C-alpha atoms as a PDB file:
ATOM      1  CA  MET A   1      36.596  85.798  45.300  1.00  0.00           C
ATOM      2  CA  TRP A   2      39.779  86.925  43.658  1.00  0.00           C
ATOM      3  CA  GLN A   3      40.141  89.164  46.680  1.00  0.00           C
ATOM      4  CA  THR A   4      40.034  86.675  49.313  1.00  0.00           C
ATOM      5  CA  SER A   5      42.877  85.065  47.046  1.00  0.00           C
ATOM      6  CA  ALA A   6      44.883  87.688  46.779  1.00  0.00           C
ATOM      7  CA  ALA A   7      44.295  88.565  50.899  1.00  0.00           C
ATOM      8  CA  GLY A   8      45.509  85.004  51.577  1.00  0.00           C
ATOM      9  CA  ALA A   9      48.492  85.186  49.251  1.00  0.00           C
ATOM     10  CA  GLY A  10      49.536  88.465  51.255  1.00  0.00           C
ATOM     11  CA  ARG A  11      49.172  86.973  54.984  1.00  0.00           C
ATOM     12  CA  VAL A  12      51.197  83.498  52.836  1.00  0.00           C
ATOM     13  CA  MET A  13      53.999  85.862  52.434  1.00  0.00           C
ATOM     14  CA  LEU A  14      53.887  87.994  55.108  1.00  0.00           C
ATOM     15  CA  GLU A  15      54.453  85.223  57.394  1.00  0.00           C
ATOM     16  CA  ARG A  16      57.405  84.243  54.906  1.00  0.00           C
ATOM     17  CA  VAL A  17      59.304  87.217  55.317  1.00  0.00           C
ATOM     18  CA  SER A  18      58.328  86.877  59.380  1.00  0.00           C
ATOM     19  CA  ARG A  19      59.859  83.539  59.024  1.00  0.00           C
ATOM     20  CA  TYR A  20      63.338  84.395  57.337  1.00  0.00           C
ATOM     21  CA  TRP A  21      63.558  87.247  59.045  1.00  0.00           C
ATOM     22  CA  ARG A  22      63.641  85.139  62.389  1.00  0.00           C
ATOM     23  CA  VAL A  23      65.820  83.049  60.354  1.00  0.00           C
ATOM     24  CA  PHE A  24      68.440  86.368  60.338  1.00  0.00           C
ATOM     25  CA  ALA A  25      67.633  88.153  63.641  1.00  0.00           C
ATOM     26  CA  THR A  26      68.210  84.596  65.867  1.00  0.00           C
ATOM     27  CA  GLY A  27      71.689  83.751  63.749  1.00  0.00           C
ATOM     28  CA  PHE A  28      72.667  87.347  64.168  1.00  0.00           C
ATOM     29  CA  SER A  29      71.723  86.910  68.160  1.00  0.00           C
ATOM     30  CA  PHE A  30      74.209  84.248  68.255  1.00  0.00           C
ATOM     31  CA  LEU A  31      76.553  85.676  66.607  1.00  0.00           C
ATOM     32  CA  ILE A  32      76.600  88.776  68.844  1.00  0.00           C
ATOM     33  CA  PHE A  33      76.449  85.992  72.309  1.00  0.00           C
ATOM     34  CA  GLY A  34      80.078  84.832  71.097  1.00  0.00           C
ATOM     35  CA  LEU A  35      81.335  88.264  70.154  1.00  0.00           C
ATOM     36  CA  SER A  36      80.456  89.370  73.266  1.00  0.00           C
ATOM     37  CA  GLY A  37      81.809  86.295  75.463  1.00  0.00           C
ATOM     38  CA  LEU A  38      85.399  87.166  73.758  1.00  0.00           C
ATOM     39  CA  LEU A  39      84.863  91.009  74.187  1.00  0.00           C
ATOM     40  CA  LEU A  40      84.468  90.302  77.786  1.00  0.00           C
ATOM     41  CA  ARG A  41      87.217  87.928  77.932  1.00  0.00           C
ATOM     42  CA  VAL A  42      89.778  90.396  76.567  1.00  0.00           C
ATOM     43  CA  ALA A  43      89.008  93.480  77.487  1.00  0.00           C
ATOM     44  CA  VAL A  44      86.864  93.653  80.387  1.00  0.00           C
ATOM     45  CA  PHE A  45      87.690  91.187  82.481  1.00  0.00           C
ATOM     46  CA  PRO A  46      91.941  91.827  82.279  1.00  0.00           C
ATOM     47  CA  VAL A  47      90.756  95.105  83.540  1.00  0.00           C
ATOM     48  CA  LEU A  48      88.460  93.339  86.590  1.00  0.00           C
ATOM     49  CA  ARG A  49      91.474  91.384  87.271  1.00  0.00           C
ATOM     50  CA  LEU A  50      93.816  94.325  87.630  1.00  0.00           C
ATOM     51  CA  ILE A  51      92.381  97.050  89.261  1.00  0.00           C
ATOM     52  CA  VAL A  52      90.354  94.453  91.860  1.00  0.00           C
ATOM     53  CA  TRP A  53      92.932  92.324  93.757  1.00  0.00           C
ATOM     54  CA  GLN A  54      90.058  90.504  96.205  1.00  0.00           C
ATOM     55  CA  ARG A  55      89.187  87.441  94.760  1.00  0.00           C
ATOM     56  CA  GLU A  56      85.377  86.966  96.320  1.00  0.00           C
ATOM     57  CA  LYS A  57      84.893  91.136  95.501  1.00  0.00           C
ATOM     58  CA  ARG A  58      85.735  90.218  91.676  1.00  0.00           C
ATOM     59  CA  ILE A  59      83.856  87.408  91.357  1.00  0.00           C
ATOM     60  CA  THR A  60      81.000  89.488  92.537  1.00  0.00           C
ATOM     61  CA  LEU A  61      81.638  91.850  89.765  1.00  0.00           C
ATOM     62  CA  ALA A  62      82.278  89.907  87.147  1.00  0.00           C
ATOM     63  CA  ARG A  63      78.782  88.122  87.693  1.00  0.00           C
ATOM     64  CA  THR A  64      77.030  91.367  88.111  1.00  0.00           C
ATOM     65  CA  VAL A  65      78.733  92.392  84.764  1.00  0.00           C
ATOM     66  CA  ILE A  66      77.584  88.737  83.069  1.00  0.00           C
ATOM     67  CA  ARG A  67      73.892  89.232  84.199  1.00  0.00           C
ATOM     68  CA  ILE A  68      73.476  92.725  82.973  1.00  0.00           C
ATOM     69  CA  ALA A  69      75.072  91.498  79.742  1.00  0.00           C
ATOM     70  CA  LEU A  70      72.558  88.503  79.419  1.00  0.00           C
ATOM     71  CA  ARG A  71      69.752  90.824  80.785  1.00  0.00           C
ATOM     72  CA  SER A  72      70.638  93.162  77.404  1.00  0.00           C
ATOM     73  CA  PHE A  73      71.027  90.087  75.375  1.00  0.00           C
ATOM     74  CA  VAL A  74      67.173  88.714  76.611  1.00  0.00           C
ATOM     75  CA  GLY A  75      66.252  92.446  75.662  1.00  0.00           C
ATOM     76  CA  MET A  76      67.800  92.452  72.190  1.00  0.00           C
ATOM     77  CA  MET A  77      66.198  89.521  71.195  1.00  0.00           C
ATOM     78  CA  HIS A  78      62.776  90.638  72.331  1.00  0.00           C
ATOM     79  CA  THR A  79      63.207  93.794  70.272  1.00  0.00           C
ATOM     80  CA  LEU A  80      64.925  91.935  67.404  1.00  0.00           C
ATOM     81  CA  GLY A  81      61.150  89.658  67.130  1.00  0.00           C
ATOM     82  CA  VAL A  82      63.201  86.505  67.936  1.00  0.00           C
ATOM     83  CA  LEU A  83      61.256  85.395  71.071  1.00  0.00           C
ATOM     84  CA  ARG A  84      58.614  87.003  73.679  1.00  0.00           C
ATOM     85  CA  TYR A  85      58.557  86.358  77.041  1.00  0.00           C
ATOM     86  CA  GLU A  86      56.737  86.203  80.875  1.00  0.00           C
ATOM     87  CA  ILE A  87      58.048  86.041  84.070  1.00  0.00           C
ATOM     88  CA  ILE A  88      55.794  84.431  86.904  1.00  0.00           C
ATOM     89  CA  GLY A  89      56.750  85.181  90.457  1.00  0.00           C
ATOM     90  CA  LEU A  90      59.796  87.203  89.797  1.00  0.00           C
ATOM     91  CA  HIS A  91      59.479  88.493  93.660  1.00  0.00           C
ATOM     92  CA  ARG A  92      60.586  84.707  94.535  1.00  0.00           C
ATOM     93  CA  LEU A  93      64.085  84.976  93.272  1.00  0.00           C
ATOM     94  CA  GLU A  94      64.642  88.205  95.175  1.00  0.00           C
ATOM     95  CA  ARG A  95      66.667  86.502  98.210  1.00  0.00           C
ATOM     96  CA  GLU A  96      69.467  85.276  98.951  1.00  0.00           C
ATOM     97  CA  GLY A  97      71.132  81.339  98.925  1.00  0.00           C
ATOM     98  CA  LEU A  98      68.666  79.865  96.807  1.00  0.00           C
ATOM     99  CA  LEU A  99      69.164  76.282  95.476  1.00  0.00           C
ATOM    100  CA  ILE A 100      67.052  76.981  92.132  1.00  0.00           C
ATOM    101  CA  LEU A 101      65.974  73.881  90.163  1.00  0.00           C
ATOM    102  CA  ALA A 102      64.801  73.944  86.635  1.00  0.00           C
ATOM    103  CA  ASN A 103      63.292  72.410  83.805  1.00  0.00           C
ATOM    104  CA  HIS A 104      65.602  72.406  80.483  1.00  0.00           C
ATOM    105  CA  PRO A 105      63.314  72.133  77.087  1.00  0.00           C
ATOM    106  CA  THR A 106      65.258  75.041  75.365  1.00  0.00           C
ATOM    107  CA  LEU A 107      69.269  76.542  74.628  1.00  0.00           C
ATOM    108  CA  ILE A 108      68.912  79.459  76.444  1.00  0.00           C
ATOM    109  CA  ASP A 109      67.092  79.126  79.815  1.00  0.00           C
ATOM    110  CA  THR A 110      70.440  79.152  81.100  1.00  0.00           C
ATOM    111  CA  VAL A 111      70.206  82.879  79.543  1.00  0.00           C
ATOM    112  CA  PHE A 112      67.343  83.573  80.902  1.00  0.00           C
ATOM    113  CA  LEU A 113      67.999  82.386  84.693  1.00  0.00           C
ATOM    114  CA  MET A 114      71.458  84.409  84.606  1.00  0.00           C
ATOM    115  CA  ALA A 115      70.021  87.283  83.620  1.00  0.00           C
ATOM    116  CA  PHE A 116      67.223  87.599  85.921  1.00  0.00           C
ATOM    117  CA  VAL A 117      68.843  86.496  88.871  1.00  0.00           C
ATOM    118  CA  ARG A 118      71.557  88.632  91.314  1.00  0.00           C
ATOM    119  CA  ARG A 119      74.066  86.449  92.403  1.00  0.00           C
ATOM    120  CA  ALA A 120      73.773  83.253  90.671  1.00  0.00           C
ATOM    121  CA  ASP A 121      75.897  80.695  90.489  1.00  0.00           C
ATOM    122  CA  CYS A 122      76.028  77.464  88.586  1.00  0.00           C
ATOM    123  CA  ILE A 123      77.472  74.266  87.061  1.00  0.00           C
ATOM    124  CA  VAL A 124      79.666  74.720  83.746  1.00  0.00           C
ATOM    125  CA  ASN A 125      80.036  71.929  81.787  1.00  0.00           C
ATOM    126  CA  GLY A 126      83.964  71.676  81.233  1.00  0.00           C
ATOM    127  CA  ARG A 127      83.565  72.094  77.567  1.00  0.00           C
ATOM    128  CA  LEU A 128      83.097  75.660  78.287  1.00  0.00           C
ATOM    129  CA  TRP A 129      86.284  76.093  80.072  1.00  0.00           C
ATOM    130  CA  ASN A 130      88.410  75.790  76.831  1.00  0.00           C
ATOM    131  CA  ASN A 131      85.485  77.267  74.357  1.00  0.00           C
ATOM    132  CA  PRO A 132      87.111  80.550  73.218  1.00  0.00           C
ATOM    133  CA  PHE A 133      83.893  82.508  73.690  1.00  0.00           C
ATOM    134  CA  THR A 134      82.669  81.847  76.707  1.00  0.00           C
ATOM    135  CA  ARG A 135      85.914  80.769  79.116  1.00  0.00           C
ATOM    136  CA  GLY A 136      86.676  84.176  80.118  1.00  0.00           C
ATOM    137  CA  PRO A 137      83.448  85.054  81.549  1.00  0.00           C
ATOM    138  CA  VAL A 138      82.871  81.650  83.389  1.00  0.00           C
ATOM    139  CA  GLN A 139      86.257  81.511  84.615  1.00  0.00           C
ATOM    140  CA  ALA A 140      86.145  85.327  85.901  1.00  0.00           C
ATOM    141  CA  ALA A 141      82.700  84.676  87.340  1.00  0.00           C
ATOM    142  CA  GLY A 142      84.139  81.564  89.272  1.00  0.00           C
ATOM    143  CA  TYR A 143      81.381  79.578  88.395  1.00  0.00           C
ATOM    144  CA  ILE A 144      81.679  75.110  88.996  1.00  0.00           C
ATOM    145  CA  ASN A 145      82.996  73.398  86.589  1.00  0.00           C
ATOM    146  CA  ASN A 146      81.177  69.507  86.517  1.00  0.00           C
ATOM    147  CA  ASP A 147      84.479  67.874  85.701  1.00  0.00           C
ATOM    148  CA  LEU A 148      85.807  67.956  89.304  1.00  0.00           C
ATOM    149  CA  GLY A 149      83.501  64.779  90.314  1.00  0.00           C
ATOM    150  CA  ALA A 150      81.750  63.927  93.745  1.00  0.00           C
ATOM    151  CA  ASP A 151      83.433  67.833  94.796  1.00  0.00           C
ATOM    152  CA  VAL A 152      80.687  69.458  92.622  1.00  0.00           C
ATOM    153  CA  VAL A 153      77.996  69.070  95.309  1.00  0.00           C
ATOM    154  CA  VAL A 154      80.528  70.390  98.228  1.00  0.00           C
ATOM    155  CA  HIS A 155      81.334  73.271  95.975  1.00  0.00           C
ATOM    156  CA  CYS A 156      77.685  74.077  95.670  1.00  0.00           C
ATOM    157  CA  ILE A 157      76.762  73.778  99.659  1.00  0.00           C
ATOM    158  CA  ALA A 158      79.317  75.833 100.166  1.00  0.00           C
ATOM    159  CA  SER A 159      77.905  78.590  97.500  1.00  0.00           C
ATOM    160  CA  LEU A 160      74.620  78.459  99.273  1.00  0.00           C
ATOM    161  CA  LYS A 161      76.392  78.784 102.513  1.00  0.00           C
ATOM    162  CA  ASN A 162      78.096  82.378 101.164  1.00  0.00           C
ATOM    163  CA  GLY A 163      74.240  83.696  99.863  1.00  0.00           C
ATOM    164  CA  ASN A 164      74.795  82.919  96.304  1.00  0.00           C
ATOM    165  CA  ASN A 165      71.965  81.076  93.940  1.00  0.00           C
ATOM    166  CA  MET A 166      72.697  78.558  92.790  1.00  0.00           C
ATOM    167  CA  ILE A 167      71.022  77.617  89.434  1.00  0.00           C
ATOM    168  CA  ILE A 168      70.876  73.618  87.931  1.00  0.00           C
ATOM    169  CA  PHE A 169      68.971  71.879  85.612  1.00  0.00           C
ATOM    170  CA  PRO A 170      68.641  68.298  87.228  1.00  0.00           C
ATOM    171  CA  GLU A 171      68.088  66.799  83.967  1.00  0.00           C
ATOM    172  CA  GLY A 172      71.552  67.578  83.158  1.00  0.00           C
ATOM    173  CA  THR A 173      70.943  67.797  79.266  1.00  0.00           C
ATOM    174  CA  ARG A 174      68.136  69.501  77.261  1.00  0.00           C
ATOM    175  CA  THR A 175      64.924  67.978  77.598  1.00  0.00           C
ATOM    176  CA  PRO A 176      64.443  65.602  74.722  1.00  0.00           C
ATOM    177  CA  SER A 177      62.033  65.812  71.861  1.00  0.00           C
ATOM    178  CA  SER A 178      59.518  63.287  73.522  1.00  0.00           C
ATOM    179  CA  GLY A 179      59.475  65.598  76.670  1.00  0.00           C
ATOM    180  CA  GLU A 180      60.392  62.645  78.593  1.00  0.00           C
ATOM    181  CA  ILE A 181      61.343  64.254  81.822  1.00  0.00           C
ATOM    182  CA  THR A 182      64.340  61.860  83.405  1.00  0.00           C
ATOM    183  CA  LEU A 183      66.774  63.725  86.135  1.00  0.00           C
ATOM    184  CA  LYS A 184      70.040  62.876  87.634  1.00  0.00           C
ATOM    185  CA  ARG A 185      70.535  62.658  91.336  1.00  0.00           C
ATOM    186  CA  GLY A 186      72.944  65.283  91.929  1.00  0.00           C
ATOM    187  CA  ALA A 187      71.002  68.202  92.605  1.00  0.00           C
ATOM    188  CA  ALA A 188      68.927  66.402  95.262  1.00  0.00           C
ATOM    189  CA  ASN A 189      71.948  65.409  96.664  1.00  0.00           C
ATOM    190  CA  ILE A 190      72.902  69.077  97.191  1.00  0.00           C
ATOM    191  CA  ALA A 191      69.265  70.069  99.173  1.00  0.00           C
ATOM    192  CA  VAL A 192      69.497  67.194 101.031  1.00  0.00           C
ATOM    193  CA  ARG A 193      73.085  67.167 102.216  1.00  0.00           C
ATOM    194  CA  GLY A 194      73.069  70.974 102.455  1.00  0.00           C
ATOM    195  CA  ALA A 195      69.509  71.060 104.430  1.00  0.00           C
ATOM    196  CA  HIS A 196      68.458  73.500 101.309  1.00  0.00           C
ATOM    197  CA  ASN A 197      64.708  74.218 100.120  1.00  0.00           C
ATOM    198  CA  VAL A 198      64.133  74.004  96.121  1.00  0.00           C
ATOM    199  CA  THR A 199      62.865  76.866  94.419  1.00  0.00           C
ATOM    200  CA  PRO A 200      61.735  75.783  91.085  1.00  0.00           C
ATOM    201  CA  VAL A 201      60.921  77.261  88.302  1.00  0.00           C
ATOM    202  CA  VAL A 202      59.386  75.283  85.217  1.00  0.00           C
ATOM    203  CA  ILE A 203      59.931  77.193  81.579  1.00  0.00           C
ATOM    204  CA  ARG A 204      57.750  76.330  78.988  1.00  0.00           C
ATOM    205  CA  CYS A 205      58.459  77.618  74.989  1.00  0.00           C
ATOM    206  CA  GLU A 206      55.858  77.328  72.830  1.00  0.00           C
ATOM    207  CA  PRO A 207      56.122  76.618  70.024  1.00  0.00           C
ATOM    208  CA  ARG A 208      59.336  74.293  70.910  1.00  0.00           C
ATOM    209  CA  THR A 209      62.317  75.795  69.142  1.00  0.00           C
ATOM    210  CA  LEU A 210      66.332  74.818  70.558  1.00  0.00           C
ATOM    211  CA  GLY A 211      65.517  71.968  71.816  1.00  0.00           C
ATOM    212  CA  LYS A 212      67.975  68.730  72.146  1.00  0.00           C
ATOM    213  CA  GLY A 213      69.194  68.013  68.542  1.00  0.00           C
ATOM    214  CA  GLU A 214      67.288  71.178  66.505  1.00  0.00           C
ATOM    215  CA  LYS A 215      69.366  73.054  64.907  1.00  0.00           C
ATOM    216  CA  TRP A 216      68.959  77.127  65.175  1.00  0.00           C
ATOM    217  CA  TRP A 217      68.155  77.682  61.837  1.00  0.00           C
ATOM    218  CA  ARG A 218      64.696  75.930  62.042  1.00  0.00           C
ATOM    219  CA  VAL A 219      62.771  78.715  63.107  1.00  0.00           C
ATOM    220  CA  PRO A 220      58.906  78.116  63.939  1.00  0.00           C
ATOM    221  CA  SER A 221      56.034  78.975  61.799  1.00  0.00           C
ATOM    222  CA  ARG A 222      55.849  81.833  64.403  1.00  0.00           C
ATOM    223  CA  ILE A 223      57.357  83.858  67.405  1.00  0.00           C
ATOM    224  CA  VAL A 224      58.169  81.711  69.794  1.00  0.00           C
ATOM    225  CA  HIS A 225      56.511  82.886  73.463  1.00  0.00           C
ATOM    226  CA  PHE A 226      58.724  81.551  76.624  1.00  0.00           C
ATOM    227  CA  ARG A 227      56.563  81.271  80.556  1.00  0.00           C
ATOM    228  CA  ILE A 228      58.839  81.548  83.109  1.00  0.00           C
ATOM    229  CA  GLU A 229      57.396  79.898  86.597  1.00  0.00           C
ATOM    230  CA  VAL A 230      58.919  80.653  89.802  1.00  0.00           C
ATOM    231  CA  GLN A 231      56.799  78.044  92.115  1.00  0.00           C
ATOM    232  CA  ASP A 232      56.642  78.225  95.579  1.00  0.00           C
ATOM    233  CA  ASP A 233      60.069  76.602  97.173  1.00  0.00           C
ATOM    234  CA  ILE A 234      60.067  72.726  97.842  1.00  0.00           C
ATOM    235  CA  LYS A 235      60.273  72.007 101.826  1.00  0.00           C
ATOM    236  CA  ILE A 236      63.700  69.437 102.118  1.00  0.00           C
ATOM    237  CA  ASP A 237      62.237  68.624 105.910  1.00  0.00           C
ATOM    238  CA  SER A 238      59.718  66.179 104.813  1.00  0.00           C
ATOM    239  CA  PHE A 239      62.192  64.497 102.644  1.00  0.00           C
ATOM    240  CA  LEU A 240      64.507  64.426 105.955  1.00  0.00           C
ATOM    241  CA  ALA A 241      62.036  63.973 108.813  1.00  0.00           C
ATOM    242  CA  ASP A 242      61.428  59.936 108.887  1.00  0.00           C
ATOM    243  CA  GLY A 243      65.114  59.012 109.283  1.00  0.00           C
ATOM    244  CA  SER A 244      65.685  58.263 105.894  1.00  0.00           C
ATOM    245  CA  THR A 245      69.551  58.164 104.943  1.00  0.00           C
ATOM    246  CA  GLU A 246      70.866  60.928 102.797  1.00  0.00           C
ATOM    247  CA  VAL A 247      71.154  58.381 100.069  1.00  0.00           C
ATOM    248  CA  MET A 248      67.170  57.381 100.211  1.00  0.00           C
ATOM    249  CA  ALA A 249      66.525  61.155 100.865  1.00  0.00           C
ATOM    250  CA  ALA A 250      68.417  61.728  97.371  1.00  0.00           C
ATOM    251  CA  ARG A 251      66.779  59.489  96.230  1.00  0.00           C
ATOM    252  CA  HIS A 252      62.690  60.108  96.891  1.00  0.00           C
ATOM    253  CA  LEU A 253      63.500  64.170  96.361  1.00  0.00           C
ATOM    254  CA  THR A 254      64.692  63.250  92.669  1.00  0.00           C
ATOM    255  CA  ASP A 255      61.693  60.741  92.091  1.00  0.00           C
ATOM    256  CA  TYR A 256      59.432  63.610  93.728  1.00  0.00           C
ATOM    257  CA  LEU A 257      60.585  66.322  91.634  1.00  0.00           C
ATOM    258  CA  GLN A 258      60.825  64.398  88.318  1.00  0.00           C
ATOM    259  CA  LYS A 259      57.227  63.943  88.929  1.00  0.00           C
ATOM    260  CA  TYR A 260      56.593  67.376  89.792  1.00  0.00           C
ATOM    261  CA  PHE A 261      58.253  69.124  86.916  1.00  0.00           C
ATOM    262  CA  THR A 262      56.584  66.491  84.296  1.00  0.00           C
ATOM    263  CA  GLU A 263      53.243  67.405  85.664  1.00  0.00           C
ATOM    264  CA  GLU A 264      53.966  70.783  85.567  1.00  0.00           C
ATOM    265  CA  GLY A 265      54.894  70.838  82.291  1.00  0.00           C
ATOM    266  CA  GLN A 266      51.618  68.407  81.293  1.00  0.00           C
ATOM    267  CA  ARG A 267      49.487  71.129  83.111  1.00  0.00           C
ATOM    268  CA  HIS A 268      50.558  74.346  81.488  1.00  0.00           C
ATOM    269  CA  ALA A 269      50.606  72.245  78.072  1.00  0.00           C
END
């Protein structure tokens, strides 16, 4: 009995030490993320601007630098024991001109997709353009500012036509703790008006962490596992075939995607 109690106490101690370490490692990761963004802003992208005069080529190089930096960041978090991850169907992202739509359960979903998608473009919250840690990378990479209003759709379609892969989270913000997914219509407007198929990505994080309203230091009792599944394209033709207006087609596509991501989330659960 004494040995059983000692073993149980030992497990509790190990779990506690593991959790304290992951709190430290998570905080360290956030620190590295911020400092890396600042370093890119003050030391890397100004040099890039000096040596590469052609804007399009400079943006392409900046996006490559960001992808490599984020790939290294994901690797660091994995090494530190902050998280584990698996990506299913990654080969489907090895194309150009993709409209990639994903659900948004955690704070670092963007980091994962930007780390593994070449020629990635995205819509950036206007606040990030003024944040000292992020404005250097987002401006150098020429990402699309969501403060542009209705012109955002036009810029997204133009980016796709240029062969970039557009990453969008149709919810517009992280999924609430209730798990209820509610999509905005902007992503569907891009798909309909640009006649682009949708490449859906289903992201699952177990146990849940870094969700909407959750503090970064409240780490789960065990290491979180990300499962990122790139699924078959959703063809846009069926939403345009019946002669529906663009408004109606975008509404039907939004409803379909909302049901799609909800069901996929429930299926994995």
